[in-house]
Protein backbone atom coordinates (compact mmCIF):
# COMPACT_ATOMS: atom_id res chain seq x y z
CA MET A 1 3.49 8.36 -10.21
CA ALA A 2 5.57 10.21 -7.65
CA LYS A 3 8.45 12.32 -8.93
CA HIS A 4 10.73 13.53 -6.15
CA GLU A 5 13.02 16.50 -6.71
CA LEU A 6 15.45 18.28 -4.44
CA VAL A 7 13.72 21.50 -3.37
CA ASN A 8 15.44 24.56 -4.84
CA ASN A 9 14.56 28.18 -5.59
CA VAL A 10 15.24 27.88 -9.32
CA ASP A 11 13.10 24.99 -10.49
CA HIS A 12 10.47 25.52 -7.81
CA LYS A 13 10.41 29.30 -7.43
CA ASP A 14 6.79 29.61 -8.63
CA LEU A 15 5.35 26.52 -6.96
CA LYS A 16 2.65 26.59 -4.32
CA ILE A 17 1.30 23.90 -2.02
CA ASN A 18 -2.43 23.50 -1.55
CA THR A 19 -2.80 22.89 2.19
CA ASN A 20 -6.55 22.28 2.15
CA ARG A 21 -7.61 18.93 3.57
CA CYS A 22 -9.75 16.59 1.49
CA THR A 23 -9.87 13.12 -0.04
CA GLU A 24 -8.82 14.41 -3.46
CA LEU A 25 -5.54 15.66 -2.00
CA GLY A 26 -4.68 12.35 -0.37
CA ASP A 27 -6.06 12.82 3.14
CA ASN A 28 -8.25 9.69 3.09
CA LEU A 29 -5.88 7.94 5.51
CA TRP A 30 -7.19 5.71 8.26
CA TYR A 31 -4.01 5.95 10.34
CA THR A 32 -0.56 7.49 10.33
CA LEU A 33 2.77 7.07 12.08
CA THR A 34 3.27 9.18 15.19
CA PHE A 35 6.06 9.72 17.74
CA PRO A 36 6.40 9.94 21.55
CA ASP A 37 7.21 13.67 21.43
CA GLU A 38 3.93 14.16 19.56
CA PHE A 39 1.73 12.05 21.82
CA ARG A 40 0.60 14.96 23.99
CA ALA A 41 -0.98 16.71 20.99
CA VAL A 42 -2.16 13.53 19.24
CA GLN A 43 -3.91 11.99 22.25
CA ALA A 44 -6.23 14.98 22.51
CA TYR A 45 -8.02 13.81 19.33
CA TYR A 46 -6.94 10.37 18.13
CA PRO A 47 -6.54 6.88 19.62
CA ILE A 48 -2.89 5.78 19.70
CA PHE A 49 -2.05 2.12 19.18
CA PHE A 50 0.97 0.17 18.01
CA GLN A 51 1.50 -1.87 14.87
CA LYS A 52 4.07 -4.58 14.26
CA GLU A 53 6.08 -4.16 11.10
CA GLY A 54 6.10 -7.40 9.14
CA GLU A 55 9.67 -7.26 7.83
CA THR A 56 11.49 -6.11 10.97
CA GLY A 57 9.13 -7.25 13.71
CA GLN A 58 9.53 -3.81 15.31
CA PHE A 59 6.61 -1.95 16.81
CA ALA A 60 5.62 1.57 15.81
CA PRO A 61 2.94 3.86 17.27
CA VAL A 62 0.11 5.01 15.02
CA ALA A 63 -2.76 7.48 15.35
CA LEU A 64 -6.13 6.16 14.13
CA PHE A 65 -8.44 8.28 11.98
CA GLY A 66 -10.93 5.56 11.04
CA PHE A 67 -11.78 1.87 11.20
CA GLN A 68 -10.97 0.73 7.67
CA HIS A 69 -8.79 1.40 4.63
CA GLN A 70 -9.10 4.94 3.20
CA GLU A 71 -11.53 6.01 5.94
CA ASN A 72 -10.68 9.31 7.62
CA LEU A 73 -13.58 10.22 9.89
CA PHE A 74 -12.06 13.64 10.58
CA LEU A 75 -12.62 14.83 7.02
CA ASN A 76 -15.75 16.79 6.18
CA ASN A 77 -16.82 19.52 3.76
CA ASP A 78 -14.91 22.10 5.80
CA GLY A 79 -11.62 20.20 5.87
CA TRP A 80 -10.00 18.32 8.75
CA ASP A 81 -12.14 18.48 11.88
CA ALA A 82 -9.49 18.39 14.62
CA GLY A 83 -7.27 20.93 16.30
CA TYR A 84 -4.08 19.06 15.49
CA ILE A 85 -2.89 17.18 12.38
CA PRO A 86 0.01 14.73 12.93
CA ILE A 87 3.22 15.88 11.28
CA THR A 88 3.51 12.78 9.09
CA VAL A 89 0.30 13.98 7.42
CA ALA A 90 0.98 17.72 7.56
CA ARG A 91 4.35 17.32 5.80
CA SER A 92 2.79 16.04 2.55
CA PRO A 93 3.96 16.27 -0.28
CA PHE A 94 7.52 16.57 1.09
CA THR A 95 9.90 13.77 2.04
CA ILE A 96 13.43 13.40 3.37
CA GLY A 97 16.05 12.46 0.82
CA THR A 98 19.80 12.00 0.94
CA GLN A 99 22.54 13.56 -1.13
CA THR A 100 26.28 12.98 -1.19
CA GLN A 101 28.10 16.18 -0.34
CA ASP A 102 31.78 16.99 0.07
CA VAL A 103 32.58 17.78 3.71
CA ASP A 104 36.24 18.63 4.43
CA GLY A 105 37.26 16.70 1.32
CA LYS A 106 35.28 13.59 2.24
CA PRO A 107 31.96 12.46 0.71
CA GLN A 108 29.18 12.29 3.27
CA GLN A 109 25.47 11.55 3.07
CA GLN A 110 23.42 14.59 4.04
CA ARG A 111 19.67 14.84 4.57
CA VAL A 112 17.87 17.02 2.05
CA LEU A 113 14.28 18.14 1.53
CA THR A 114 12.58 16.66 -1.52
CA LEU A 115 9.22 17.41 -3.11
CA ASP A 116 6.90 15.15 -5.09
CA VAL A 117 6.21 17.55 -7.97
CA GLU A 118 3.49 15.22 -9.33
CA HIS A 119 1.45 15.37 -6.12
CA PRO A 120 -2.01 16.95 -6.49
CA ARG A 121 -1.15 19.53 -3.83
CA VAL A 122 1.59 21.02 -6.04
CA ASN A 123 0.53 23.82 -8.38
CA LYS A 124 1.31 27.41 -9.37
CA ASP A 125 -1.99 29.09 -8.51
CA GLU A 126 -3.26 28.20 -5.06
CA GLY A 127 -1.79 27.70 -1.62
CA GLN A 128 1.44 28.35 0.27
CA SER A 129 4.45 29.64 -1.67
CA LEU A 130 7.76 27.85 -1.23
CA PHE A 131 9.96 30.86 -1.83
CA MET A 132 9.76 34.60 -1.44
CA GLU A 133 10.12 37.04 -4.33
CA PHE A 134 13.93 37.17 -4.28
CA GLY A 135 14.52 33.47 -3.59
CA GLY A 136 14.51 33.21 0.19
CA ASN A 137 12.59 30.44 1.93
CA SER A 138 9.01 31.23 2.85
CA ASP A 139 7.88 30.76 6.44
CA TYR A 140 5.86 27.80 5.20
CA LEU A 141 8.91 26.08 3.70
CA ASP A 142 10.86 26.65 6.91
CA SER A 143 8.02 25.08 8.89
CA VAL A 144 8.07 22.05 6.57
CA ALA A 145 11.83 21.69 7.01
CA ALA A 146 11.31 21.73 10.79
CA MET A 147 8.63 19.05 10.51
CA MET A 148 10.87 16.84 8.41
CA GLU A 149 13.68 17.18 10.94
CA ALA A 150 11.22 16.23 13.70
CA ILE A 151 10.11 13.20 11.69
CA HIS A 152 13.72 12.09 11.16
CA HIS A 153 14.45 12.24 14.89
CA GLY A 154 11.01 10.79 15.69
CA ILE A 155 11.68 7.67 13.64
CA GLU A 156 14.88 7.06 15.59
CA ALA A 157 13.07 7.77 18.87
CA ASN A 158 10.36 5.26 17.93
CA LYS A 159 12.95 2.51 17.57
CA GLU A 160 14.29 3.13 21.08
CA PHE A 161 10.82 3.54 22.58
CA ALA A 162 9.51 0.35 20.96
CA ALA A 163 12.61 -1.58 21.99
CA CYS A 164 12.06 -0.53 25.58
CA LEU A 165 8.39 -1.54 25.52
CA SER A 166 9.30 -4.90 23.98
CA GLU A 167 12.06 -5.55 26.52
CA LEU A 168 9.63 -4.89 29.37
CA GLU A 169 6.91 -6.92 27.60
CA LEU A 170 4.47 -4.03 27.91
CA LEU A 171 2.75 -4.50 24.55
CA GLU A 172 -0.11 -6.93 24.04
CA PRO A 173 -2.36 -7.70 21.06
CA PHE A 174 -5.51 -5.59 21.04
CA THR A 175 -8.69 -6.44 19.17
CA LEU A 176 -10.99 -3.49 18.62
CA ASP A 177 -14.64 -4.55 18.49
CA VAL A 178 -16.88 -1.91 16.92
CA GLU A 179 -20.67 -1.99 17.06
CA LEU A 180 -22.62 0.69 15.22
CA TYR A 181 -26.05 2.04 16.14
CA ASP A 182 -27.69 -0.18 13.50
CA GLY A 183 -26.34 -3.25 15.29
CA SER A 184 -23.67 -4.07 12.69
CA LYS A 185 -20.41 -5.27 14.17
CA HIS A 186 -16.85 -4.91 12.92
CA GLN A 187 -13.55 -6.12 14.31
CA MET A 188 -10.09 -4.64 13.91
CA VAL A 189 -7.11 -6.91 14.53
CA GLY A 190 -3.36 -6.42 14.25
CA LEU A 191 -3.17 -3.64 16.80
CA TYR A 192 -1.18 -3.62 20.03
CA ALA A 193 -1.73 -1.66 23.23
CA ILE A 194 -0.01 -1.11 26.57
CA ASN A 195 -0.62 -3.90 29.06
CA GLU A 196 -1.62 -1.85 32.10
CA GLU A 197 -1.39 -4.78 34.49
CA LYS A 198 2.23 -5.46 33.56
CA LEU A 199 3.01 -1.77 33.75
CA ASP A 200 1.66 -1.61 37.31
CA GLN A 201 3.74 -4.65 38.29
CA LEU A 202 7.08 -3.31 37.08
CA PRO A 203 9.84 -3.21 39.69
CA ASP A 204 10.67 0.22 41.07
CA GLU A 205 13.99 0.44 39.22
CA LYS A 206 12.30 -0.31 35.88
CA MET A 207 9.62 2.26 36.57
CA ALA A 208 12.28 4.81 37.51
CA GLY A 209 13.98 4.13 34.19
CA LEU A 210 10.74 4.87 32.34
CA VAL A 211 10.34 8.11 34.24
CA LYS A 212 13.93 9.22 33.57
CA SER A 213 13.67 8.49 29.84
CA GLY A 214 10.31 10.26 29.53
CA TYR A 215 8.71 7.06 28.29
CA LEU A 216 6.30 6.76 31.20
CA LYS A 217 4.68 10.04 30.20
CA ALA A 218 4.36 8.81 26.60
CA ILE A 219 2.88 5.53 27.84
CA HIS A 220 0.24 7.37 29.86
CA PHE A 221 -0.63 9.56 26.86
CA ALA A 222 -1.05 6.44 24.72
CA MET A 223 -3.30 4.78 27.30
CA ALA A 224 -5.37 7.94 27.78
CA SER A 225 -5.83 8.31 24.03
CA GLN A 226 -7.96 5.16 23.89
CA GLY A 227 -10.76 7.24 25.35
CA ASN A 228 -11.05 8.71 21.84
CA ILE A 229 -12.37 5.43 20.44
CA GLY A 230 -15.87 6.43 21.53
CA GLN A 231 -15.55 9.75 19.73
CA LEU A 232 -14.30 7.99 16.61
CA LEU A 233 -17.27 5.64 16.77
CA ALA A 234 -19.63 8.60 17.12
CA ARG A 235 -18.13 10.12 13.97
CA LYS A 236 -18.69 6.82 12.13
CA ASN A 237 -22.34 6.67 13.18
CA LYS A 238 -22.86 10.29 12.18
CA GLN A 239 -21.22 9.75 8.79
CA LEU A 240 -23.58 6.84 8.12
CA GLY A 241 -26.59 8.79 9.38
CA LEU A 242 -27.20 6.29 12.17
CA LYS A 243 -28.93 7.17 15.43
CA ARG A 244 -29.02 5.35 18.74
CA LYS A 245 -32.01 3.02 18.99
């Protein structure tokens, strides 16, 4: 069970984080949340689609690592086989918490960095140290703090980005049909993708708005990323030892 604690250089001065990538450390994810500012790096390796959140009905972009639950086709005996790992994965086992602090005599909620001390990455023998000898933050901990700040802003950016796509009716349901070399077929539903036809038909002023906001660039990255589906399928066939007939 997770046990989140506010990161500090007293209780956690001797802790290390194992940054190796493997199933045992929780990397058997088949997708993760991503953000428009991250699309340029993500689209080089992973397909980007959108999912609709059941409770809110809002859309959120995700990067696919596999075709089914707990399947990460980028994991092998050497670790994670890609040049970029999305920050929502790389940040593990840290999360963003809140703490009430006194600011000019008034209580305010402030973001703080928390650590799941029960996570299998956390230990005292192997990995990246959180603090230096005399209590200062390590470069690793500073990099984690920067990632968490990017995630916080990315979540807010996703809401605005998704609202824009919804308003312009640019998202459409996407069914991913997968056929392996042995002839077996699988179908993934519940995904959404950019409707390219509607995008091309947008009035000039709407298109100009997408350019000004930077969303058009993110849209093009998302569309281009779908070229990675073939590479993902190749990884699946290789994992199963299947060859083209």
